[in-house]
Amino acid sequence: MMNEQMTQETDSTHSHQCQCGAGKKCKCPHHKVAPIAIGLIGVVFLLEAFSIISPEITAIVWPILLIIAAGTKAFGRRCSCC
């Protein structure tokens, strides 16, 4: 019973992964923009924390990255796997 439940949980957590064709991961760019933008936002804040970039630059850059990520997800082309 426990193994069945763990298998179902594993299957449900992996079911959201985009699959195109026979077991290949989707290469659609709109799947990658949001994670990359979020990572870049983190890098911007890290650079500010180490005083490599100024707070003024951070105040301009992170909202732009967030808008790009949100816009791509909201208005991006839909692929056949979604």
Protein backbone atom coordinates (compact mmCIF):
# COMPACT_ATOMS: atom_id res chain seq x y z
CA MET A 1 0.00 0.00 0.00
CA MET A 2 2.80 2.41 0.93
CA ASN A 3 4.70 1.68 -2.30
CA GLU A 4 1.56 2.23 -4.38
CA GLN A 5 0.98 5.59 -2.71
CA MET A 6 4.60 6.67 -3.30
CA THR A 7 4.34 5.59 -6.95
CA GLN A 8 1.14 7.60 -7.39
CA GLU A 9 2.74 10.66 -5.77
CA THR A 10 5.80 10.34 -7.99
CA ASP A 11 3.62 9.93 -11.08
CA SER A 12 1.52 12.96 -10.16
CA THR A 13 4.58 15.16 -9.55
CA HIS A 14 6.08 14.19 -12.89
CA SER A 15 2.85 14.40 -14.85
CA HIS A 16 3.18 18.18 -15.20
CA GLN A 17 6.40 17.84 -17.17
CA CYS A 18 5.95 18.75 -20.77
CA GLN A 19 6.55 15.85 -23.10
CA CYS A 20 6.67 16.12 -26.87
CA GLY A 21 6.96 12.92 -28.82
CA ALA A 22 8.28 9.70 -27.36
CA GLY A 23 9.75 10.64 -24.00
CA LYS A 24 11.51 13.80 -25.18
CA LYS A 25 11.40 16.99 -23.17
CA CYS A 26 9.75 19.95 -24.80
CA LYS A 27 12.14 22.47 -26.31
CA CYS A 28 9.61 25.29 -26.52
CA PRO A 29 11.23 28.55 -25.39
CA HIS A 30 8.26 29.75 -23.34
CA HIS A 31 8.94 26.93 -20.86
CA LYS A 32 12.40 28.32 -20.12
CA VAL A 33 11.88 32.09 -19.89
CA ALA A 34 10.29 32.28 -16.42
CA PRO A 35 12.87 30.08 -14.64
CA ILE A 36 15.73 31.95 -16.32
CA ALA A 37 14.23 35.33 -15.40
CA ILE A 38 13.73 34.26 -11.78
CA GLY A 39 17.32 33.06 -11.64
CA LEU A 40 18.55 36.35 -13.08
CA ILE A 41 16.53 38.28 -10.51
CA GLY A 42 18.32 36.29 -7.81
CA VAL A 43 21.69 37.07 -9.41
CA VAL A 44 20.83 40.78 -9.53
CA PHE A 45 20.02 40.81 -5.81
CA LEU A 46 23.15 38.83 -5.02
CA LEU A 47 25.31 41.28 -6.99
CA GLU A 48 23.70 44.13 -5.10
CA ALA A 49 24.37 42.38 -1.77
CA PHE A 50 28.07 42.18 -2.67
CA SER A 51 28.03 45.87 -3.77
CA ILE A 52 28.93 44.93 -7.33
CA ILE A 53 25.93 46.78 -8.71
CA SER A 54 24.10 49.72 -7.19
CA PRO A 55 20.65 49.59 -5.61
CA GLU A 56 19.43 51.96 -8.34
CA ILE A 57 20.34 49.43 -11.03
CA THR A 58 18.66 46.65 -9.05
CA ALA A 59 15.52 48.76 -8.68
CA ILE A 60 15.33 49.06 -12.48
CA VAL A 61 16.42 45.57 -13.57
CA TRP A 62 14.40 43.19 -11.40
CA PRO A 63 10.94 44.54 -12.31
CA ILE A 64 11.86 44.40 -16.00
CA LEU A 65 12.91 40.76 -15.70
CA LEU A 66 9.72 39.95 -13.81
CA ILE A 67 7.57 41.65 -16.47
CA ILE A 68 9.35 39.74 -19.23
CA ALA A 69 8.80 36.42 -17.46
CA ALA A 70 5.14 37.14 -16.73
CA GLY A 71 4.48 38.42 -20.24
CA THR A 72 6.05 35.40 -21.83
CA LYS A 73 3.97 33.05 -19.70
CA ALA A 74 0.75 35.00 -20.14
CA PHE A 75 0.97 35.92 -23.82
CA GLY A 76 3.50 33.46 -25.20
CA ARG A 77 2.67 31.09 -28.00
CA ARG A 78 1.20 27.83 -26.83
CA CYS A 79 2.84 24.69 -28.04
CA SER A 80 1.09 21.43 -28.74
CA CYS A 81 2.34 19.92 -25.50
CA CYS A 82 0.59 22.41 -23.24
